[in-house]
Amino acid sequence: MSRVISLLTVFLFGIISSELEAQTIVSDKLTMEIAEKKGIENNPELQYLLKSIDANKAVQLQSGLISNPEFGLDVENIFGSGDLSGFSGSEITASLSQNFQLAGKVRKREKVAEIFSKKQINDLQ
């Protein structure tokens, strides 16, 4: 009886191990694209270079955009005394400002950002 159980165990173990081996062979197929992706994902220097390139692209994009308008709100003389107590004597000033770049300054900023980006990439290599 124990001999039959031993043979059955060995037989089942052989079947299971060959099935697992067949599954790993199919799923471990390595292509050039997968190898390249894994190499980039697991190399900290390449990750740093990719992040630096992305940051430089963002700086170049931002340099070509106009600045955002700014809104300001100033409140003075709050909580006075006598007739001017509370908010009745307060002065409120609201302002809206926008910088306009003239004489091709946006294009010049873009050019400076492009030169700076190329210099940084060359320094990284």
PDB file of N, CA and C in Angstrom:
ATOM      1  N   MET A   1       0.822  -1.191   0.000  1.00  0.00           N
ATOM      2  CA  MET A   1       0.000   0.000   0.000  1.00  0.00           C
ATOM      3  C   MET A   1       0.865   1.254   0.000  1.00  0.00           C
ATOM      4  N   SER A   2       1.911   1.283   0.833  1.00  0.00           N
ATOM      5  CA  SER A   2       2.769   2.461   0.892  1.00  0.00           C
ATOM      6  C   SER A   2       3.561   2.629  -0.412  1.00  0.00           C
ATOM      7  N   ARG A   3       3.868   1.497  -1.070  1.00  0.00           N
ATOM      8  CA  ARG A   3       4.577   1.578  -2.339  1.00  0.00           C
ATOM      9  C   ARG A   3       3.687   2.219  -3.409  1.00  0.00           C
ATOM     10  N   VAL A   4       2.421   1.933  -3.425  1.00  0.00           N
ATOM     11  CA  VAL A   4       1.477   2.517  -4.374  1.00  0.00           C
ATOM     12  C   VAL A   4       1.343   4.021  -4.107  1.00  0.00           C
ATOM     13  N   ILE A   5       1.264   4.392  -2.866  1.00  0.00           N
ATOM     14  CA  ILE A   5       1.158   5.810  -2.503  1.00  0.00           C
ATOM     15  C   ILE A   5       2.432   6.546  -2.906  1.00  0.00           C
ATOM     16  N   SER A   6       3.586   5.935  -2.696  1.00  0.00           N
ATOM     17  CA  SER A   6       4.855   6.551  -3.077  1.00  0.00           C
ATOM     18  C   SER A   6       4.929   6.747  -4.583  1.00  0.00           C
ATOM     19  N   LEU A   7       4.550   5.731  -5.352  1.00  0.00           N
ATOM     20  CA  LEU A   7       4.567   5.846  -6.806  1.00  0.00           C
ATOM     21  C   LEU A   7       3.576   6.900  -7.303  1.00  0.00           C
ATOM     22  N   LEU A   8       2.408   6.941  -6.675  1.00  0.00           N
ATOM     23  CA  LEU A   8       1.398   7.933  -7.047  1.00  0.00           C
ATOM     24  C   LEU A   8       1.897   9.344  -6.738  1.00  0.00           C
ATOM     25  N   THR A   9       2.553   9.503  -5.608  1.00  0.00           N
ATOM     26  CA  THR A   9       3.098  10.811  -5.219  1.00  0.00           C
ATOM     27  C   THR A   9       4.168  11.259  -6.206  1.00  0.00           C
ATOM     28  N   VAL A  10       5.074  10.382  -6.565  1.00  0.00           N
ATOM     29  CA  VAL A  10       6.123  10.722  -7.522  1.00  0.00           C
ATOM     30  C   VAL A  10       5.517  11.057  -8.879  1.00  0.00           C
ATOM     31  N   PHE A  11       4.528  10.302  -9.302  1.00  0.00           N
ATOM     32  CA  PHE A  11       3.871  10.545 -10.574  1.00  0.00           C
ATOM     33  C   PHE A  11       3.194  11.913 -10.589  1.00  0.00           C
ATOM     34  N   LEU A  12       2.436  12.240  -9.539  1.00  0.00           N
ATOM     35  CA  LEU A  12       1.756  13.532  -9.453  1.00  0.00           C
ATOM     36  C   LEU A  12       2.765  14.679  -9.363  1.00  0.00           C
ATOM     37  N   PHE A  13       3.833  14.472  -8.613  1.00  0.00           N
ATOM     38  CA  PHE A  13       4.869  15.499  -8.502  1.00  0.00           C
ATOM     39  C   PHE A  13       5.507  15.776  -9.863  1.00  0.00           C
ATOM     40  N   GLY A  14       5.757  14.717 -10.639  1.00  0.00           N
ATOM     41  CA  GLY A  14       6.322  14.872 -11.979  1.00  0.00           C
ATOM     42  C   GLY A  14       5.405  15.643 -12.900  1.00  0.00           C
ATOM     43  N   ILE A  15       4.123  15.355 -12.837  1.00  0.00           N
ATOM     44  CA  ILE A  15       3.153  16.044 -13.693  1.00  0.00           C
ATOM     45  C   ILE A  15       3.065  17.520 -13.314  1.00  0.00           C
ATOM     46  N   ILE A  16       2.982  17.791 -12.008  1.00  0.00           N
ATOM     47  CA  ILE A  16       2.854  19.182 -11.543  1.00  0.00           C
ATOM     48  C   ILE A  16       4.103  19.980 -11.887  1.00  0.00           C
ATOM     49  N   SER A  17       5.279  19.407 -11.682  1.00  0.00           N
ATOM     50  CA  SER A  17       6.511  20.147 -11.961  1.00  0.00           C
ATOM     51  C   SER A  17       6.681  20.418 -13.458  1.00  0.00           C
ATOM     52  N   SER A  18       6.320  19.457 -14.300  1.00  0.00           N
ATOM     53  CA  SER A  18       6.439  19.693 -15.743  1.00  0.00           C
ATOM     54  C   SER A  18       5.430  20.742 -16.202  1.00  0.00           C
ATOM     55  N   GLU A  19       4.259  20.779 -15.575  1.00  0.00           N
ATOM     56  CA  GLU A  19       3.253  21.787 -15.917  1.00  0.00           C
ATOM     57  C   GLU A  19       3.730  23.181 -15.518  1.00  0.00           C
ATOM     58  N   LEU A  20       4.301  23.278 -14.327  1.00  0.00           N
ATOM     59  CA  LEU A  20       4.831  24.565 -13.871  1.00  0.00           C
ATOM     60  C   LEU A  20       5.985  25.021 -14.755  1.00  0.00           C
ATOM     61  N   GLU A  21       6.847  24.104 -15.167  1.00  0.00           N
ATOM     62  CA  GLU A  21       7.972  24.447 -16.022  1.00  0.00           C
ATOM     63  C   GLU A  21       7.480  24.946 -17.376  1.00  0.00           C
ATOM     64  N   ALA A  22       6.463  24.333 -17.915  1.00  0.00           N
ATOM     65  CA  ALA A  22       5.902  24.750 -19.201  1.00  0.00           C
ATOM     66  C   ALA A  22       5.302  26.145 -19.089  1.00  0.00           C
ATOM     67  N   GLN A  23       4.650  26.453 -17.973  1.00  0.00           N
ATOM     68  CA  GLN A  23       4.059  27.768 -17.787  1.00  0.00           C
ATOM     69  C   GLN A  23       5.130  28.835 -17.674  1.00  0.00           C
ATOM     70  N   THR A  24       6.213  28.558 -16.955  1.00  0.00           N
ATOM     71  CA  THR A  24       7.257  29.565 -16.810  1.00  0.00           C
ATOM     72  C   THR A  24       7.999  29.798 -18.111  1.00  0.00           C
ATOM     73  N   ILE A  25       8.159  28.786 -18.929  1.00  0.00           N
ATOM     74  CA  ILE A  25       8.834  28.965 -20.215  1.00  0.00           C
ATOM     75  C   ILE A  25       8.007  29.875 -21.107  1.00  0.00           C
ATOM     76  N   VAL A  26       6.704  29.711 -21.137  1.00  0.00           N
ATOM     77  CA  VAL A  26       5.839  30.541 -21.973  1.00  0.00           C
ATOM     78  C   VAL A  26       5.796  31.964 -21.449  1.00  0.00           C
ATOM     79  N   SER A  27       5.708  32.164 -20.129  1.00  0.00           N
ATOM     80  CA  SER A  27       5.553  33.504 -19.583  1.00  0.00           C
ATOM     81  C   SER A  27       6.870  34.257 -19.487  1.00  0.00           C
ATOM     82  N   ASP A  28       8.011  33.577 -19.562  1.00  0.00           N
ATOM     83  CA  ASP A  28       9.302  34.242 -19.446  1.00  0.00           C
ATOM     84  C   ASP A  28       9.916  34.586 -20.793  1.00  0.00           C
ATOM     85  N   LYS A  29       9.123  34.652 -21.824  1.00  0.00           N
ATOM     86  CA  LYS A  29       9.649  34.989 -23.143  1.00  0.00           C
ATOM     87  C   LYS A  29      10.133  36.435 -23.103  1.00  0.00           C
ATOM     88  N   LEU A  30      11.392  36.639 -23.403  1.00  0.00           N
ATOM     89  CA  LEU A  30      12.015  37.947 -23.308  1.00  0.00           C
ATOM     90  C   LEU A  30      12.213  38.526 -24.697  1.00  0.00           C
ATOM     91  N   THR A  31      11.610  39.695 -24.924  1.00  0.00           N
ATOM     92  CA  THR A  31      11.799  40.380 -26.190  1.00  0.00           C
ATOM     93  C   THR A  31      12.718  41.573 -25.965  1.00  0.00           C
ATOM     94  N   MET A  32      13.175  42.164 -27.036  1.00  0.00           N
ATOM     95  CA  MET A  32      14.067  43.316 -26.942  1.00  0.00           C
ATOM     96  C   MET A  32      13.372  44.494 -26.264  1.00  0.00           C
ATOM     97  N   GLU A  33      12.078  44.685 -26.540  1.00  0.00           N
ATOM     98  CA  GLU A  33      11.332  45.790 -25.946  1.00  0.00           C
ATOM     99  C   GLU A  33      11.207  45.615 -24.435  1.00  0.00           C
ATOM    100  N   ILE A  34      10.920  44.382 -24.014  1.00  0.00           N
ATOM    101  CA  ILE A  34      10.785  44.111 -22.582  1.00  0.00           C
ATOM    102  C   ILE A  34      12.130  44.299 -21.887  1.00  0.00           C
ATOM    103  N   ALA A  35      13.206  43.824 -22.513  1.00  0.00           N
ATOM    104  CA  ALA A  35      14.539  43.981 -21.928  1.00  0.00           C
ATOM    105  C   ALA A  35      14.917  45.447 -21.806  1.00  0.00           C
ATOM    106  N   GLU A  36      14.593  46.242 -22.831  1.00  0.00           N
ATOM    107  CA  GLU A  36      14.893  47.667 -22.790  1.00  0.00           C
ATOM    108  C   GLU A  36      14.098  48.351 -21.683  1.00  0.00           C
ATOM    109  N   LYS A  37      12.827  48.022 -21.587  1.00  0.00           N
ATOM    110  CA  LYS A  37      11.972  48.620 -20.558  1.00  0.00           C
ATOM    111  C   LYS A  37      12.467  48.260 -19.161  1.00  0.00           C
ATOM    112  N   LYS A  38      12.802  46.996 -18.947  1.00  0.00           N
ATOM    113  CA  LYS A  38      13.312  46.559 -17.642  1.00  0.00           C
ATOM    114  C   LYS A  38      14.638  47.236 -17.308  1.00  0.00           C
ATOM    115  N   GLY A  39      15.486  47.398 -18.320  1.00  0.00           N
ATOM    116  CA  GLY A  39      16.768  48.057 -18.101  1.00  0.00           C
ATOM    117  C   GLY A  39      16.605  49.505 -17.672  1.00  0.00           C
ATOM    118  N   ILE A  40      15.685  50.196 -18.311  1.00  0.00           N
ATOM    119  CA  ILE A  40      15.434  51.599 -17.953  1.00  0.00           C
ATOM    120  C   ILE A  40      14.785  51.700 -16.582  1.00  0.00           C
ATOM    121  N   GLU A  41      13.840  50.825 -16.283  1.00  0.00           N
ATOM    122  CA  GLU A  41      13.139  50.869 -14.997  1.00  0.00           C
ATOM    123  C   GLU A  41      14.070  50.591 -13.821  1.00  0.00           C
ATOM    124  N   ASN A  42      15.077  49.749 -14.024  1.00  0.00           N
ATOM    125  CA  ASN A  42      15.931  49.327 -12.914  1.00  0.00           C
ATOM    126  C   ASN A  42      17.273  50.035 -12.869  1.00  0.00           C
ATOM    127  N   ASN A  43      17.480  51.063 -13.675  1.00  0.00           N
ATOM    128  CA  ASN A  43      18.739  51.787 -13.677  1.00  0.00           C
ATOM    129  C   ASN A  43      18.500  53.198 -13.140  1.00  0.00           C
ATOM    130  N   PRO A  44      18.992  53.525 -11.949  1.00  0.00           N
ATOM    131  CA  PRO A  44      18.736  54.846 -11.367  1.00  0.00           C
ATOM    132  C   PRO A  44      19.339  55.992 -12.178  1.00  0.00           C
ATOM    133  N   GLU A  45      20.477  55.763 -12.820  1.00  0.00           N
ATOM    134  CA  GLU A  45      21.075  56.825 -13.624  1.00  0.00           C
ATOM    135  C   GLU A  45      20.202  57.167 -14.826  1.00  0.00           C
ATOM    136  N   LEU A  46      19.665  56.145 -15.486  1.00  0.00           N
ATOM    137  CA  LEU A  46      18.774  56.403 -16.612  1.00  0.00           C
ATOM    138  C   LEU A  46      17.481  57.065 -16.151  1.00  0.00           C
ATOM    139  N   GLN A  47      16.966  56.668 -14.992  1.00  0.00           N
ATOM    140  CA  GLN A  47      15.766  57.311 -14.446  1.00  0.00           C
ATOM    141  C   GLN A  47      16.030  58.796 -14.202  1.00  0.00           C
ATOM    142  N   TYR A  48      17.203  59.104 -13.641  1.00  0.00           N
ATOM    143  CA  TYR A  48      17.574  60.495 -13.388  1.00  0.00           C
ATOM    144  C   TYR A  48      17.656  61.284 -14.694  1.00  0.00           C
ATOM    145  N   LEU A  49      18.279  60.698 -15.706  1.00  0.00           N
ATOM    146  CA  LEU A  49      18.385  61.369 -16.999  1.00  0.00           C
ATOM    147  C   LEU A  49      17.017  61.613 -17.621  1.00  0.00           C
ATOM    148  N   LEU A  50      16.135  60.627 -17.556  1.00  0.00           N
ATOM    149  CA  LEU A  50      14.794  60.797 -18.111  1.00  0.00           C
ATOM    150  C   LEU A  50      14.018  61.884 -17.381  1.00  0.00           C
ATOM    151  N   LYS A  51      14.125  61.924 -16.047  1.00  0.00           N
ATOM    152  CA  LYS A  51      13.442  62.961 -15.266  1.00  0.00           C
ATOM    153  C   LYS A  51      14.028  64.337 -15.582  1.00  0.00           C
ATOM    154  N   SER A  52      15.340  64.425 -15.779  1.00  0.00           N
ATOM    155  CA  SER A  52      15.970  65.701 -16.119  1.00  0.00           C
ATOM    156  C   SER A  52      15.502  66.191 -17.484  1.00  0.00           C
ATOM    157  N   ILE A  53      15.397  65.287 -18.437  1.00  0.00           N
ATOM    158  CA  ILE A  53      14.924  65.661 -19.770  1.00  0.00           C
ATOM    159  C   ILE A  53      13.479  66.148 -19.698  1.00  0.00           C
ATOM    160  N   ASP A  54      12.640  65.453 -18.930  1.00  0.00           N
ATOM    161  CA  ASP A  54      11.251  65.882 -18.768  1.00  0.00           C
ATOM    162  C   ASP A  54      11.170  67.256 -18.109  1.00  0.00           C
ATOM    163  N   ALA A  55      12.010  67.493 -17.100  1.00  0.00           N
ATOM    164  CA  ALA A  55      12.019  68.794 -16.415  1.00  0.00           C
ATOM    165  C   ALA A  55      12.462  69.897 -17.361  1.00  0.00           C
ATOM    166  N   ASN A  56      13.454  69.627 -18.194  1.00  0.00           N
ATOM    167  CA  ASN A  56      13.909  70.629 -19.152  1.00  0.00           C
ATOM    168  C   ASN A  56      12.844  70.937 -20.193  1.00  0.00           C
ATOM    169  N   LYS A  57      12.110  69.927 -20.625  1.00  0.00           N
ATOM    170  CA  LYS A  57      11.006  70.159 -21.563  1.00  0.00           C
ATOM    171  C   LYS A  57       9.927  71.031 -20.922  1.00  0.00           C
ATOM    172  N   ALA A  58       9.656  70.796 -19.647  1.00  0.00           N
ATOM    173  CA  ALA A  58       8.652  71.598 -18.939  1.00  0.00           C
ATOM    174  C   ALA A  58       9.109  73.049 -18.803  1.00  0.00           C
ATOM    175  N   VAL A  59      10.402  73.255 -18.538  1.00  0.00           N
ATOM    176  CA  VAL A  59      10.933  74.620 -18.441  1.00  0.00           C
ATOM    177  C   VAL A  59      10.823  75.320 -19.791  1.00  0.00           C
ATOM    178  N   GLN A  60      11.134  74.614 -20.870  1.00  0.00           N
ATOM    179  CA  GLN A  60      11.010  75.203 -22.204  1.00  0.00           C
ATOM    180  C   GLN A  60       9.567  75.567 -22.510  1.00  0.00           C
ATOM    181  N   LEU A  61       8.634  74.691 -22.155  1.00  0.00           N
ATOM    182  CA  LEU A  61       7.221  74.974 -22.390  1.00  0.00           C
ATOM    183  C   LEU A  61       6.782  76.191 -21.586  1.00  0.00           C
ATOM    184  N   GLN A  62       7.162  76.235 -20.317  1.00  0.00           N
ATOM    185  CA  GLN A  62       6.754  77.332 -19.442  1.00  0.00           C
ATOM    186  C   GLN A  62       7.354  78.658 -19.901  1.00  0.00           C
ATOM    187  N   SER A  63       8.560  78.641 -20.462  1.00  0.00           N
ATOM    188  CA  SER A  63       9.203  79.887 -20.879  1.00  0.00           C
ATOM    189  C   SER A  63       8.472  80.543 -22.046  1.00  0.00           C
ATOM    190  N   GLY A  64       7.716  79.776 -22.812  1.00  0.00           N
ATOM    191  CA  GLY A  64       6.989  80.326 -23.944  1.00  0.00           C
ATOM    192  C   GLY A  64       5.601  80.827 -23.610  1.00  0.00           C
ATOM    193  N   LEU A  65       5.183  80.665 -22.367  1.00  0.00           N
ATOM    194  CA  LEU A  65       3.841  81.083 -21.969  1.00  0.00           C
ATOM    195  C   LEU A  65       3.875  82.465 -21.331  1.00  0.00           C
ATOM    196  N   ILE A  66       2.769  83.197 -21.453  1.00  0.00           N
ATOM    197  CA  ILE A  66       2.685  84.500 -20.784  1.00  0.00           C
ATOM    198  C   ILE A  66       2.380  84.268 -19.315  1.00  0.00           C
ATOM    199  N   SER A  67       2.740  85.238 -18.498  1.00  0.00           N
ATOM    200  CA  SER A  67       2.521  85.080 -17.061  1.00  0.00           C
ATOM    201  C   SER A  67       1.040  85.210 -16.720  1.00  0.00           C
ATOM    202  N   ASN A  68       0.671  84.631 -15.599  1.00  0.00           N
ATOM    203  CA  ASN A  68      -0.721  84.675 -15.144  1.00  0.00           C
ATOM    204  C   ASN A  68      -1.056  86.051 -14.579  1.00  0.00           C
ATOM    205  N   PRO A  69      -2.299  86.476 -14.706  1.00  0.00           N
ATOM    206  CA  PRO A  69      -2.688  87.728 -14.055  1.00  0.00           C
ATOM    207  C   PRO A  69      -2.685  87.553 -12.533  1.00  0.00           C
ATOM    208  N   GLU A  70      -2.472  88.648 -11.839  1.00  0.00           N
ATOM    209  CA  GLU A  70      -2.424  88.603 -10.382  1.00  0.00           C
ATOM    210  C   GLU A  70      -3.549  89.457  -9.814  1.00  0.00           C
ATOM    211  N   PHE A  71      -4.194  88.928  -8.794  1.00  0.00           N
ATOM    212  CA  PHE A  71      -5.270  89.637  -8.109  1.00  0.00           C
ATOM    213  C   PHE A  71      -4.805  89.940  -6.695  1.00  0.00           C
ATOM    214  N   GLY A  72      -4.996  91.169  -6.264  1.00  0.00           N
ATOM    215  CA  GLY A  72      -4.589  91.560  -4.917  1.00  0.00           C
ATOM    216  C   GLY A  72      -5.745  92.194  -4.164  1.00  0.00           C
ATOM    217  N   LEU A  73      -5.748  91.992  -2.866  1.00  0.00           N
ATOM    218  CA  LEU A  73      -6.793  92.557  -2.018  1.00  0.00           C
ATOM    219  C   LEU A  73      -6.133  93.075  -0.752  1.00  0.00           C
ATOM    220  N   ASP A  74      -6.257  94.387  -0.493  1.00  0.00           N
ATOM    221  CA  ASP A  74      -5.688  95.014   0.699  1.00  0.00           C
ATOM    222  C   ASP A  74      -6.820  95.582   1.535  1.00  0.00           C
ATOM    223  N   VAL A  75      -6.754  95.314   2.826  1.00  0.00           N
ATOM    224  CA  VAL A  75      -7.746  95.840   3.758  1.00  0.00           C
ATOM    225  C   VAL A  75      -6.986  96.580   4.846  1.00  0.00           C
ATOM    226  N   GLU A  76      -7.366  97.855   5.101  1.00  0.00           N
ATOM    227  CA  GLU A  76      -6.694  98.678   6.095  1.00  0.00           C
ATOM    228  C   GLU A  76      -7.709  99.265   7.057  1.00  0.00           C
ATOM    229  N   ASN A  77      -7.223  99.671   8.219  1.00  0.00           N
ATOM    230  CA  ASN A  77      -8.028 100.344   9.246  1.00  0.00           C
ATOM    231  C   ASN A  77      -9.212  99.489   9.701  1.00  0.00           C
ATOM    232  N   ILE A  78      -8.946  98.259   9.989  1.00  0.00           N
ATOM    233  CA  ILE A  78      -9.989  97.380  10.504  1.00  0.00           C
ATOM    234  C   ILE A  78     -10.041  97.536  12.016  1.00  0.00           C
ATOM    235  N   PHE A  79     -11.199  97.407  12.552  1.00  0.00           N
ATOM    236  CA  PHE A  79     -11.427  97.456  14.007  1.00  0.00           C
ATOM    237  C   PHE A  79     -10.959  98.777  14.612  1.00  0.00           C
ATOM    238  N   GLY A  80     -11.446  99.863  14.021  1.00  0.00           N
ATOM    239  CA  GLY A  80     -11.130 101.181  14.561  1.00  0.00           C
ATOM    240  C   GLY A  80     -11.882 101.408  15.874  1.00  0.00           C
ATOM    241  N   SER A  81     -11.918 102.646  16.325  1.00  0.00           N
ATOM    242  CA  SER A  81     -12.598 102.948  17.590  1.00  0.00           C
ATOM    243  C   SER A  81     -13.661 104.016  17.354  1.00  0.00           C
ATOM    244  N   GLY A  82     -14.587 104.127  18.269  1.00  0.00           N
ATOM    245  CA  GLY A  82     -15.649 105.124  18.182  1.00  0.00           C
ATOM    246  C   GLY A  82     -16.580 104.851  17.009  1.00  0.00           C
ATOM    247  N   ASP A  83     -16.827 105.922  16.211  1.00  0.00           N
ATOM    248  CA  ASP A  83     -17.711 105.789  15.061  1.00  0.00           C
ATOM    249  C   ASP A  83     -17.137 104.862  13.985  1.00  0.00           C
ATOM    250  N   LEU A  84     -15.844 104.681  13.989  1.00  0.00           N
ATOM    251  CA  LEU A  84     -15.197 103.859  12.964  1.00  0.00           C
ATOM    252  C   LEU A  84     -14.891 102.446  13.471  1.00  0.00           C
ATOM    253  N   SER A  85     -15.627 101.958  14.467  1.00  0.00           N
ATOM    254  CA  SER A  85     -15.370 100.620  15.004  1.00  0.00           C
ATOM    255  C   SER A  85     -15.860  99.553  14.020  1.00  0.00           C
ATOM    256  N   GLY A  86     -15.247  98.381  14.133  1.00  0.00           N
ATOM    257  CA  GLY A  86     -15.628  97.283  13.251  1.00  0.00           C
ATOM    258  C   GLY A  86     -15.129  97.527  11.839  1.00  0.00           C
ATOM    259  N   PHE A  87     -15.985  97.222  10.856  1.00  0.00           N
ATOM    260  CA  PHE A  87     -15.593  97.372   9.458  1.00  0.00           C
ATOM    261  C   PHE A  87     -16.075  98.684   8.846  1.00  0.00           C
ATOM    262  N   SER A  88     -16.779  99.520   9.598  1.00  0.00           N
ATOM    263  CA  SER A  88     -17.356 100.728   9.006  1.00  0.00           C
ATOM    264  C   SER A  88     -16.295 101.744   8.593  1.00  0.00           C
ATOM    265  N   GLY A  89     -15.120 101.742   9.208  1.00  0.00           N
ATOM    266  CA  GLY A  89     -14.060 102.680   8.824  1.00  0.00           C
ATOM    267  C   GLY A  89     -12.950 102.029   8.021  1.00  0.00           C
ATOM    268  N   SER A  90     -13.144 100.817   7.624  1.00  0.00           N
ATOM    269  CA  SER A  90     -12.058 100.118   6.921  1.00  0.00           C
ATOM    270  C   SER A  90     -11.971 100.549   5.457  1.00  0.00           C
ATOM    271  N   GLU A  91     -10.777 100.409   4.910  1.00  0.00           N
ATOM    272  CA  GLU A  91     -10.542 100.734   3.511  1.00  0.00           C
ATOM    273  C   GLU A  91     -10.156  99.436   2.792  1.00  0.00           C
ATOM    274  N   ILE A  92     -10.864  99.130   1.703  1.00  0.00           N
ATOM    275  CA  ILE A  92     -10.607  97.901   0.951  1.00  0.00           C
ATOM    276  C   ILE A  92     -10.176  98.288  -0.463  1.00  0.00           C
ATOM    277  N   THR A  93      -9.035  97.734  -0.882  1.00  0.00           N
ATOM    278  CA  THR A  93      -8.511  98.009  -2.221  1.00  0.00           C
ATOM    279  C   THR A  93      -8.316  96.691  -2.952  1.00  0.00           C
ATOM    280  N   ALA A  94      -8.910  96.583  -4.133  1.00  0.00           N
ATOM    281  CA  ALA A  94      -8.736  95.396  -4.967  1.00  0.00           C
ATOM    282  C   ALA A  94      -7.935  95.796  -6.199  1.00  0.00           C
ATOM    283  N   SER A  95      -7.000  94.934  -6.606  1.00  0.00           N
ATOM    284  CA  SER A  95      -6.190  95.256  -7.784  1.00  0.00           C
ATOM    285  C   SER A  95      -6.029  94.019  -8.663  1.00  0.00           C
ATOM    286  N   LEU A  96      -5.914  94.280  -9.944  1.00  0.00           N
ATOM    287  CA  LEU A  96      -5.696  93.225 -10.923  1.00  0.00           C
ATOM    288  C   LEU A  96      -4.549  93.683 -11.818  1.00  0.00           C
ATOM    289  N   SER A  97      -3.524  92.843 -11.959  1.00  0.00           N
ATOM    290  CA  SER A  97      -2.373  93.243 -12.772  1.00  0.00           C
ATOM    291  C   SER A  97      -1.969  92.113 -13.709  1.00  0.00           C
ATOM    292  N   GLN A  98      -1.377  92.499 -14.819  1.00  0.00           N
ATOM    293  CA  GLN A  98      -0.919  91.545 -15.821  1.00  0.00           C
ATOM    294  C   GLN A  98       0.347  92.097 -16.454  1.00  0.00           C
ATOM    295  N   ASN A  99       1.394  91.271 -16.519  1.00  0.00           N
ATOM    296  CA  ASN A  99       2.629  91.671 -17.192  1.00  0.00           C
ATOM    297  C   ASN A  99       2.527  91.319 -18.669  1.00  0.00           C
ATOM    298  N   PHE A 100       2.894  92.273 -19.515  1.00  0.00           N
ATOM    299  CA  PHE A 100       2.921  92.045 -20.951  1.00  0.00           C
ATOM    300  C   PHE A 100       4.366  92.115 -21.416  1.00  0.00           C
ATOM    301  N   GLN A 101       4.820  91.079 -22.071  1.00  0.00           N
ATOM    302  CA  GLN A 101       6.194  91.032 -22.571  1.00  0.00           C
ATOM    303  C   GLN A 101       6.229  91.668 -23.955  1.00  0.00           C
ATOM    304  N   LEU A 102       7.099  92.638 -24.117  1.00  0.00           N
ATOM    305  CA  LEU A 102       7.229  93.328 -25.396  1.00  0.00           C
ATOM    306  C   LEU A 102       8.596  93.038 -26.012  1.00  0.00           C
ATOM    307  N   ALA A 103       8.778  93.442 -27.221  1.00  0.00           N
ATOM    308  CA  ALA A 103      10.055  93.372 -27.939  1.00  0.00           C
ATOM    309  C   ALA A 103      10.588  91.945 -28.046  1.00  0.00           C
ATOM    310  N   GLY A 104       9.703  90.981 -28.220  1.00  0.00           N
ATOM    311  CA  GLY A 104      10.143  89.607 -28.447  1.00  0.00           C
ATOM    312  C   GLY A 104      10.757  88.926 -27.241  1.00  0.00           C
ATOM    313  N   LYS A 105      10.424  89.388 -26.043  1.00  0.00           N
ATOM    314  CA  LYS A 105      11.032  88.804 -24.841  1.00  0.00           C
ATOM    315  C   LYS A 105      10.597  87.356 -24.622  1.00  0.00           C
ATOM    316  N   VAL A 106       9.391  87.008 -25.046  1.00  0.00           N
ATOM    317  CA  VAL A 106       8.937  85.622 -24.897  1.00  0.00           C
ATOM    318  C   VAL A 106       9.809  84.705 -25.742  1.00  0.00           C
ATOM    319  N   ARG A 107      10.078  85.093 -26.970  1.00  0.00           N
ATOM    320  CA  ARG A 107      10.934  84.280 -27.856  1.00  0.00           C
ATOM    321  C   ARG A 107      12.359  84.203 -27.304  1.00  0.00           C
ATOM    322  N   LYS A 108      12.844  85.294 -26.737  1.00  0.00           N
ATOM    323  CA  LYS A 108      14.187  85.293 -26.147  1.00  0.00           C
ATOM    324  C   LYS A 108      14.250  84.374 -24.925  1.00  0.00           C
ATOM    325  N   ARG A 109      13.194  84.380 -24.116  1.00  0.00           N
ATOM    326  CA  ARG A 109      13.150  83.470 -22.964  1.00  0.00           C
ATOM    327  C   ARG A 109      13.137  82.027 -23.421  1.00  0.00           C
ATOM    328  N   GLU A 110      12.381  81.745 -24.491  1.00  0.00           N
ATOM    329  CA  GLU A 110      12.352  80.382 -25.038  1.00  0.00           C
ATOM    330  C   GLU A 110      13.739  79.961 -25.504  1.00  0.00           C
ATOM    331  N   LYS A 111      14.446  80.861 -26.170  1.00  0.00           N
ATOM    332  CA  LYS A 111      15.786  80.545 -26.683  1.00  0.00           C
ATOM    333  C   LYS A 111      16.755  80.291 -25.523  1.00  0.00           C
ATOM    334  N   VAL A 112      16.690  81.098 -24.472  1.00  0.00           N
ATOM    335  CA  VAL A 112      17.557  80.902 -23.301  1.00  0.00           C
ATOM    336  C   VAL A 112      17.254  79.551 -22.652  1.00  0.00           C
ATOM    337  N   ALA A 113      15.991  79.218 -22.513  1.00  0.00           N
ATOM    338  CA  ALA A 113      15.618  77.932 -21.911  1.00  0.00           C
ATOM    339  C   ALA A 113      16.089  76.770 -22.771  1.00  0.00           C
ATOM    340  N   GLU A 114      16.029  76.915 -24.091  1.00  0.00           N
ATOM    341  CA  GLU A 114      16.493  75.856 -24.991  1.00  0.00           C
ATOM    342  C   GLU A 114      18.005  75.662 -24.873  1.00  0.00           C
ATOM    343  N   ILE A 115      18.754  76.761 -24.840  1.00  0.00           N
ATOM    344  CA  ILE A 115      20.208  76.677 -24.695  1.00  0.00           C
ATOM    345  C   ILE A 115      20.583  76.071 -23.350  1.00  0.00           C
ATOM    346  N   PHE A 116      19.907  76.514 -22.298  1.00  0.00           N
ATOM    347  CA  PHE A 116      20.172  75.987 -20.961  1.00  0.00           C
ATOM    348  C   PHE A 116      19.864  74.496 -20.893  1.00  0.00           C
ATOM    349  N   SER A 117      18.774  74.081 -21.521  1.00  0.00           N
ATOM    350  CA  SER A 117      18.387  72.673 -21.527  1.00  0.00           C
ATOM    351  C   SER A 117      19.429  71.827 -22.250  1.00  0.00           C
ATOM    352  N   LYS A 118      19.882  72.282 -23.406  1.00  0.00           N
ATOM    353  CA  LYS A 118      20.899  71.535 -24.150  1.00  0.00           C
ATOM    354  C   LYS A 118      22.194  71.443 -23.365  1.00  0.00           C
ATOM    355  N   LYS A 119      22.555  72.520 -22.665  1.00  0.00           N
ATOM    356  CA  LYS A 119      23.779  72.517 -21.873  1.00  0.00           C
ATOM    357  C   LYS A 119      23.661  71.505 -20.724  1.00  0.00           C
ATOM    358  N   GLN A 120      22.514  71.477 -20.064  1.00  0.00           N
ATOM    359  CA  GLN A 120      22.325  70.543 -18.956  1.00  0.00           C
ATOM    360  C   GLN A 120      22.364  69.101 -19.443  1.00  0.00           C
ATOM    361  N   ILE A 121      21.745  68.824 -20.568  1.00  0.00           N
ATOM    362  CA  ILE A 121      21.756  67.462 -21.100  1.00  0.00           C
ATOM    363  C   ILE A 121      23.170  67.051 -21.478  1.00  0.00           C
ATOM    364  N   ASN A 122      23.938  67.974 -22.070  1.00  0.00           N
ATOM    365  CA  ASN A 122      25.333  67.663 -22.405  1.00  0.00           C
ATOM    366  C   ASN A 122      26.167  67.430 -21.151  1.00  0.00           C
ATOM    367  N   ASP A 123      25.895  68.188 -20.082  1.00  0.00           N
ATOM    368  CA  ASP A 123      26.625  68.011 -18.834  1.00  0.00           C
ATOM    369  C   ASP A 123      26.301  66.666 -18.189  1.00  0.00           C
ATOM    370  N   LEU A 124      25.075  66.187 -18.374  1.00  0.00           N
ATOM    371  CA  LEU A 124      24.684  64.909 -17.788  1.00  0.00           C
ATOM    372  C   LEU A 124      25.345  63.736 -18.497  1.00  0.00           C
ATOM    373  N   GLN A 125      25.617  63.904 -19.770  1.00  0.00           N
ATOM    374  CA  GLN A 125      26.226  62.812 -20.532  1.00  0.00           C
ATOM    375  C   GLN A 125      27.685  62.800 -20.253  1.00  0.00           C
TER     376      GLN A 125
END
